[in-house]
């Protein structure tokens, strides 16, 4: 399987990130020094700031002190596991207690392990390395399950889940969310005239082009169905999503893939329907799909190889 889109949150080539939440600056420095060759590190001195850092940076692993002023480690861990942004981060408790009662409390809160103070350097490094390895393997397997086997893009199931997540996030933050639906023009003719193997090649090449043409880390491409793809464009205005749609159209056309379609262009092209707006009670997540799909239909009706911006069909 050719994984064309091992990027962003599923990129297994980047260094792991460890967040240290501890009110002792000495402990922070010791742990940073111990892990310098294993991972990039960030530090927070209390539970609230640690939660904020975790939600914004999404670390692979969190070393969490149990006893801190304000929120203790158990409360922080439960908050981490209750948030969709941080639930996948592994948590190792850092504690001076090593009795069964505290170990059970740590595991019940959602931790995967604990290390004791004062630190045994070899034990800390071994446990961190073990859980970083497990986290990377889990991320890789999760990535395989979320991808389309032919094109390497994200699959429809991942799109459906992540679209709801992005919608809720933009609703909370009051930001404009963008969506583009993309269809390869006259794709059936490729299969009919050149064969299904050639059709598969076109799908893979167009998918690779779309993936590589996105310019911000949070954006992603999913195979929506057949020869249709969806681009999720976070924090994108109506003007920006229209420009992005046309940029994608130009990049696919520049591939110069031969295609004797009725357009007379002589190369493979795409039609794109786009929509962007701030989520609201009057504009549910499904309304974006309806608007972008209607715009895509208009793009095809108007001759294909073009981008049309949709309007909300609600109300």
Protein backbone atom coordinates (compact mmCIF):
# COMPACT_ATOMS: atom_id res chain seq x y z
CA UNK A 1 0.00 0.00 0.00
CA UNK A 2 1.40 3.38 -1.01
CA UNK A 3 0.71 5.75 1.86
CA UNK A 4 0.78 9.11 0.14
CA UNK A 5 -0.38 11.18 3.04
CA UNK A 6 1.61 10.30 6.15
CA UNK A 7 1.66 13.92 7.20
CA UNK A 8 0.47 16.18 9.99
CA UNK A 9 -0.73 14.38 13.07
CA UNK A 10 0.14 10.96 11.63
CA UNK A 11 3.67 11.75 10.49
CA UNK A 12 5.81 8.96 11.95
CA UNK A 13 9.07 10.60 10.80
CA UNK A 14 8.94 13.55 13.25
CA UNK A 15 10.44 13.53 16.73
CA UNK A 16 7.95 12.72 19.48
CA UNK A 17 6.81 15.47 21.83
CA UNK A 18 6.75 15.06 25.62
CA UNK A 19 4.96 17.52 27.90
CA UNK A 20 6.23 17.74 31.49
CA UNK A 21 3.67 19.10 33.99
CA UNK A 22 5.39 19.63 37.33
CA UNK A 23 5.44 22.54 39.78
CA UNK A 24 9.13 21.92 40.52
CA UNK A 25 11.46 23.64 38.05
CA UNK A 26 14.26 21.36 39.25
CA UNK A 27 12.23 18.28 38.28
CA UNK A 28 11.44 19.89 34.93
CA UNK A 29 15.14 20.45 34.20
CA UNK A 30 16.11 16.93 35.28
CA UNK A 31 13.47 15.31 33.09
CA UNK A 32 14.31 17.52 30.11
CA UNK A 33 17.97 16.55 30.38
CA UNK A 34 17.10 12.85 30.70
CA UNK A 35 14.91 12.91 27.59
CA UNK A 36 16.88 15.30 25.38
CA UNK A 37 17.91 12.59 22.91
CA UNK A 38 14.54 10.82 22.94
CA UNK A 39 12.03 13.59 22.30
CA UNK A 40 11.28 17.30 22.13
CA UNK A 41 9.98 18.57 25.47
CA UNK A 42 7.68 21.29 26.78
CA UNK A 43 7.09 22.24 30.41
CA UNK A 44 4.21 23.60 32.46
CA UNK A 45 4.27 24.45 36.16
CA UNK A 46 0.64 23.76 37.06
CA UNK A 47 -2.38 21.78 35.93
CA UNK A 48 -4.30 24.57 34.18
CA UNK A 49 -1.38 25.73 32.03
CA UNK A 50 -0.49 22.10 31.38
CA UNK A 51 -3.98 21.44 30.03
CA UNK A 52 -3.77 24.48 27.77
CA UNK A 53 -0.40 23.38 26.39
CA UNK A 54 -1.64 19.82 25.89
CA UNK A 55 -4.70 20.99 23.95
CA UNK A 56 -2.68 23.28 21.69
CA UNK A 57 0.37 21.03 21.12
CA UNK A 58 -1.15 17.54 21.44
CA UNK A 59 1.94 15.80 22.84
CA UNK A 60 2.59 12.11 22.35
CA UNK A 61 3.37 11.60 26.04
CA UNK A 62 2.74 13.60 29.22
CA UNK A 63 4.81 13.27 32.40
CA UNK A 64 2.39 14.46 35.07
CA UNK A 65 3.20 15.29 38.69
CA UNK A 66 0.57 14.04 41.15
CA UNK A 67 0.87 16.69 43.85
CA UNK A 68 0.52 20.25 42.53
CA UNK A 69 -1.21 23.38 43.81
CA UNK A 70 -4.69 23.90 42.40
CA UNK A 71 -5.58 20.92 40.20
CA UNK A 72 -3.77 17.79 41.31
CA UNK A 73 -2.45 15.29 38.80
CA UNK A 74 -5.47 13.00 39.00
CA UNK A 75 -7.85 15.84 38.07
CA UNK A 76 -5.57 16.92 35.24
CA UNK A 77 -5.38 13.37 33.90
CA UNK A 78 -9.16 12.97 33.92
CA UNK A 79 -9.52 16.30 32.08
CA UNK A 80 -6.98 15.17 29.50
CA UNK A 81 -8.85 11.92 28.89
CA UNK A 82 -12.21 13.68 28.68
CA UNK A 83 -11.05 16.00 25.88
CA UNK A 84 -11.10 14.83 22.26
CA UNK A 85 -7.97 16.94 21.69
CA UNK A 86 -5.82 15.15 24.28
CA UNK A 87 -7.46 11.76 24.88
CA UNK A 88 -4.88 9.97 22.73
CA UNK A 89 -1.85 11.36 24.61
CA UNK A 90 -0.28 8.78 26.93
CA UNK A 91 0.13 9.87 30.56
CA UNK A 92 2.85 8.73 32.97
CA UNK A 93 2.42 9.91 36.55
CA UNK A 94 5.43 11.27 38.42
CA UNK A 95 4.99 10.59 42.13
CA UNK A 96 6.82 10.07 45.41
CA UNK A 97 4.24 7.42 46.33
CA UNK A 98 4.78 3.83 45.21
CA UNK A 99 2.07 1.97 47.12
CA UNK A 100 -0.76 -0.03 45.50
CA UNK A 101 -3.43 2.50 46.41
CA UNK A 102 -1.73 5.34 44.52
CA UNK A 103 -0.85 3.06 41.61
CA UNK A 104 -4.51 2.04 41.24
CA UNK A 105 -5.62 5.67 41.48
CA UNK A 106 -3.20 6.61 38.68
CA UNK A 107 -4.42 3.83 36.41
CA UNK A 108 -8.07 4.61 37.19
CA UNK A 109 -7.50 8.24 36.17
CA UNK A 110 -6.26 7.09 32.76
CA UNK A 111 -2.48 6.87 33.15
CA UNK A 112 -0.50 4.13 31.42
CA UNK A 113 2.39 4.03 33.92
CA UNK A 114 4.14 5.92 36.70
CA UNK A 115 7.72 6.79 37.72
CA UNK A 116 8.85 7.43 41.25
CA UNK A 117 10.73 10.30 42.83
CA UNK A 118 13.63 10.58 43.41
CA UNK A 119 14.27 9.64 39.79
CA UNK A 120 16.07 6.51 38.73
CA UNK A 121 17.44 7.78 35.43
CA UNK A 122 17.57 4.39 33.70
CA UNK A 123 14.00 3.55 34.72
CA UNK A 124 12.63 6.93 33.61
CA UNK A 125 14.28 6.65 30.18
CA UNK A 126 13.20 3.03 29.72
CA UNK A 127 9.56 3.70 30.60
CA UNK A 128 9.36 6.82 28.48
CA UNK A 129 10.98 5.04 25.52
CA UNK A 130 8.60 2.09 25.88
CA UNK A 131 5.47 4.24 25.85
CA UNK A 132 6.74 6.47 23.04
CA UNK A 133 7.31 3.34 20.96
CA UNK A 134 3.83 2.02 21.77
CA UNK A 135 2.32 5.43 20.95
CA UNK A 136 4.05 5.55 17.56
CA UNK A 137 2.92 2.03 16.72
CA UNK A 138 -0.64 2.88 17.72
CA UNK A 139 -0.59 6.05 15.63
CA UNK A 140 0.72 4.13 12.62
CA UNK A 141 -1.97 1.45 12.90
CA UNK A 142 -4.62 4.10 13.42
CA UNK A 143 -3.33 5.84 10.32
CA UNK A 144 -3.59 2.66 8.25
CA UNK A 145 -7.19 2.15 9.38
CA UNK A 146 -8.14 5.70 8.39
CA UNK A 147 -6.73 5.64 4.84
CA UNK A 148 -8.07 4.72 1.44
CA UNK A 149 -6.18 1.71 0.14
CA UNK A 150 -5.93 2.89 -3.47
CA UNK A 151 -5.12 6.59 -3.19
CA UNK A 152 -3.47 6.91 0.23
CA UNK A 153 -5.78 9.78 1.15
CA UNK A 154 -7.90 9.62 4.26
CA UNK A 155 -11.00 7.48 3.80
CA UNK A 156 -14.67 8.38 4.09
CA UNK A 157 -14.98 7.12 7.66
CA UNK A 158 -12.12 9.34 8.80
CA UNK A 159 -13.60 12.29 6.93
CA UNK A 160 -17.00 11.83 8.58
CA UNK A 161 -15.43 11.69 12.05
CA UNK A 162 -12.94 14.51 11.56
CA UNK A 163 -15.45 16.77 9.84
CA UNK A 164 -17.68 16.63 12.92
CA UNK A 165 -14.65 17.32 15.13
CA UNK A 166 -13.61 20.34 13.07
CA UNK A 167 -17.16 21.64 12.95
CA UNK A 168 -17.46 21.51 16.74
CA UNK A 169 -14.05 23.13 17.20
CA UNK A 170 -14.86 26.00 14.84
CA UNK A 171 -18.28 26.39 16.49
CA UNK A 172 -16.61 26.84 19.89
CA UNK A 173 -13.96 29.22 18.57
CA UNK A 174 -16.23 31.23 16.26
CA UNK A 175 -13.94 30.63 13.27
CA UNK A 176 -14.88 30.17 9.62
CA UNK A 177 -14.60 26.58 8.38
CA UNK A 178 -14.07 25.71 4.71
CA UNK A 179 -14.92 22.66 2.61
CA UNK A 180 -14.18 21.76 -1.01
CA UNK A 181 -15.74 18.83 -2.89
CA UNK A 182 -13.68 17.77 -5.92
CA UNK A 183 -14.69 15.58 -8.86
CA UNK A 184 -12.43 14.33 -11.67
CA UNK A 185 -14.06 15.44 -14.91
CA UNK A 186 -15.36 12.68 -17.19
CA UNK A 187 -13.52 10.05 -15.19
CA UNK A 188 -15.70 7.23 -16.53
CA UNK A 189 -14.20 7.87 -19.98
CA UNK A 190 -10.74 7.06 -18.62
CA UNK A 191 -11.93 3.64 -17.51
CA UNK A 192 -13.91 3.08 -20.72
CA UNK A 193 -11.16 4.12 -23.17
CA UNK A 194 -7.93 3.32 -21.31
CA UNK A 195 -8.97 0.59 -18.88
CA UNK A 196 -9.43 0.41 -15.13
CA UNK A 197 -5.69 0.15 -14.45
CA UNK A 198 -5.23 3.53 -16.12
CA UNK A 199 -8.18 4.85 -14.14
CA UNK A 200 -6.54 3.72 -10.91
CA UNK A 201 -3.31 5.49 -11.95
CA UNK A 202 -5.24 8.71 -12.55
CA UNK A 203 -6.88 8.47 -9.14
CA UNK A 204 -3.51 7.95 -7.43
CA UNK A 205 -1.80 10.77 -9.32
CA UNK A 206 -4.63 13.24 -8.75
CA UNK A 207 -4.77 12.28 -5.07
CA UNK A 208 -1.02 12.82 -4.67
CA UNK A 209 -1.30 16.19 -6.40
CA UNK A 210 -4.16 17.30 -4.14
CA UNK A 211 -2.30 16.22 -1.00
CA UNK A 212 0.90 17.97 -1.99
CA UNK A 213 -0.95 21.12 -3.04
CA UNK A 214 -2.44 21.82 0.39
CA UNK A 215 -0.36 24.44 2.16
CA UNK A 216 -1.38 24.41 5.83
CA UNK A 217 -0.78 21.51 8.27
CA UNK A 218 -4.38 21.28 9.52
CA UNK A 219 -5.82 20.86 6.01
CA UNK A 220 -6.41 17.36 4.68
CA UNK A 221 -7.76 15.44 1.69
CA UNK A 222 -10.13 12.48 1.91
CA UNK A 223 -11.56 10.22 -0.76
CA UNK A 224 -15.25 11.01 -0.56
CA UNK A 225 -16.40 8.32 -2.98
CA UNK A 226 -15.47 6.99 -6.44
CA UNK A 227 -13.57 9.74 -8.24
CA UNK A 228 -14.64 12.40 -5.74
CA UNK A 229 -12.46 13.91 -3.02
CA UNK A 230 -13.09 16.29 -0.14
CA UNK A 231 -10.70 18.92 1.19
CA UNK A 232 -11.26 20.12 4.76
CA UNK A 233 -9.92 23.66 5.16
CA UNK A 234 -9.87 24.88 8.78
CA UNK A 235 -9.98 28.61 9.62
CA UNK A 236 -10.70 29.43 5.98
CA UNK A 237 -12.92 32.30 4.80
CA UNK A 238 -15.22 32.26 1.77
CA UNK A 239 -12.62 34.15 -0.27
CA UNK A 240 -9.80 31.85 0.84
CA UNK A 241 -11.69 28.64 0.14
CA UNK A 242 -12.51 29.85 -3.37
CA UNK A 243 -8.84 30.67 -3.98
CA UNK A 244 -7.76 27.30 -2.59
CA UNK A 245 -10.25 25.49 -4.82
CA UNK A 246 -8.88 27.23 -7.90
CA UNK A 247 -5.31 26.53 -6.80
CA UNK A 248 -6.13 22.81 -6.58
CA UNK A 249 -7.79 22.95 -10.00
CA UNK A 250 -4.70 24.56 -11.54
CA UNK A 251 -2.33 22.05 -9.93
CA UNK A 252 -4.27 19.05 -11.27
CA UNK A 253 -4.42 20.55 -14.74
CA UNK A 254 -0.65 21.16 -14.64
CA UNK A 255 -0.09 17.41 -14.29
CA UNK A 256 -0.90 17.20 -18.01
CA UNK A 257 -2.37 13.71 -17.71
CA UNK A 258 -3.71 12.81 -21.18
CA UNK A 259 -7.50 12.56 -21.35
CA UNK A 260 -9.66 12.83 -24.45
CA UNK A 261 -12.70 14.27 -22.72
CA UNK A 262 -15.56 16.23 -24.33
CA UNK A 263 -14.10 19.46 -22.89
CA UNK A 264 -11.41 19.37 -25.57
CA UNK A 265 -8.78 20.26 -22.96
CA UNK A 266 -6.78 17.09 -23.70
CA UNK A 267 -5.73 16.57 -20.08
CA UNK A 268 -7.37 15.47 -16.84
CA UNK A 269 -9.18 18.28 -15.03
CA UNK A 270 -11.33 18.66 -11.94
CA UNK A 271 -14.50 20.49 -10.98
CA UNK A 272 -14.70 21.96 -7.49
CA UNK A 273 -17.57 23.09 -5.28
CA UNK A 274 -16.59 25.11 -2.21
CA UNK A 275 -18.29 26.56 0.82
CA UNK A 276 -17.08 28.38 3.95
CA UNK A 277 -18.83 30.00 6.90
CA UNK A 278 -18.82 30.19 10.68
CA UNK A 279 -20.75 27.28 12.22
CA UNK A 280 -23.96 28.22 13.98
CA UNK A 281 -27.20 26.68 15.20
CA UNK A 282 -28.75 27.74 11.89
CA UNK A 283 -25.88 26.19 9.91
CA UNK A 284 -25.29 22.55 10.96
CA UNK A 285 -22.37 20.44 9.74
CA UNK A 286 -24.48 18.77 7.05
CA UNK A 287 -25.36 22.14 5.50
CA UNK A 288 -21.74 22.60 4.41
CA UNK A 289 -21.83 19.33 2.51
CA UNK A 290 -25.11 20.23 0.86
CA UNK A 291 -23.84 23.66 -0.18
CA UNK A 292 -20.52 22.35 -1.52
CA UNK A 293 -22.24 19.48 -3.34
CA UNK A 294 -24.73 21.86 -4.95
CA UNK A 295 -21.84 24.11 -6.03
CA UNK A 296 -20.00 21.10 -7.48
CA UNK A 297 -23.10 20.21 -9.48
CA UNK A 298 -23.21 23.78 -10.81
CA UNK A 299 -19.52 23.62 -11.76
CA UNK A 300 -20.18 20.50 -13.83
CA UNK A 301 -23.31 21.96 -15.39
CA UNK A 302 -21.38 25.07 -16.43
CA UNK A 303 -18.77 23.08 -18.38
CA UNK A 304 -16.45 21.53 -15.74
CA UNK A 305 -12.81 22.48 -15.04
CA UNK A 306 -13.97 25.31 -12.80
CA UNK A 307 -14.66 26.28 -9.20
CA UNK A 308 -18.06 27.42 -7.94
CA UNK A 309 -18.75 28.82 -4.47
CA UNK A 310 -21.92 27.57 -2.84
CA UNK A 311 -24.47 29.33 -0.69
CA UNK A 312 -26.16 27.93 2.39
CA UNK A 313 -29.27 25.93 1.52
CA UNK A 314 -30.67 26.13 5.06
CA UNK A 315 -33.44 28.41 6.15
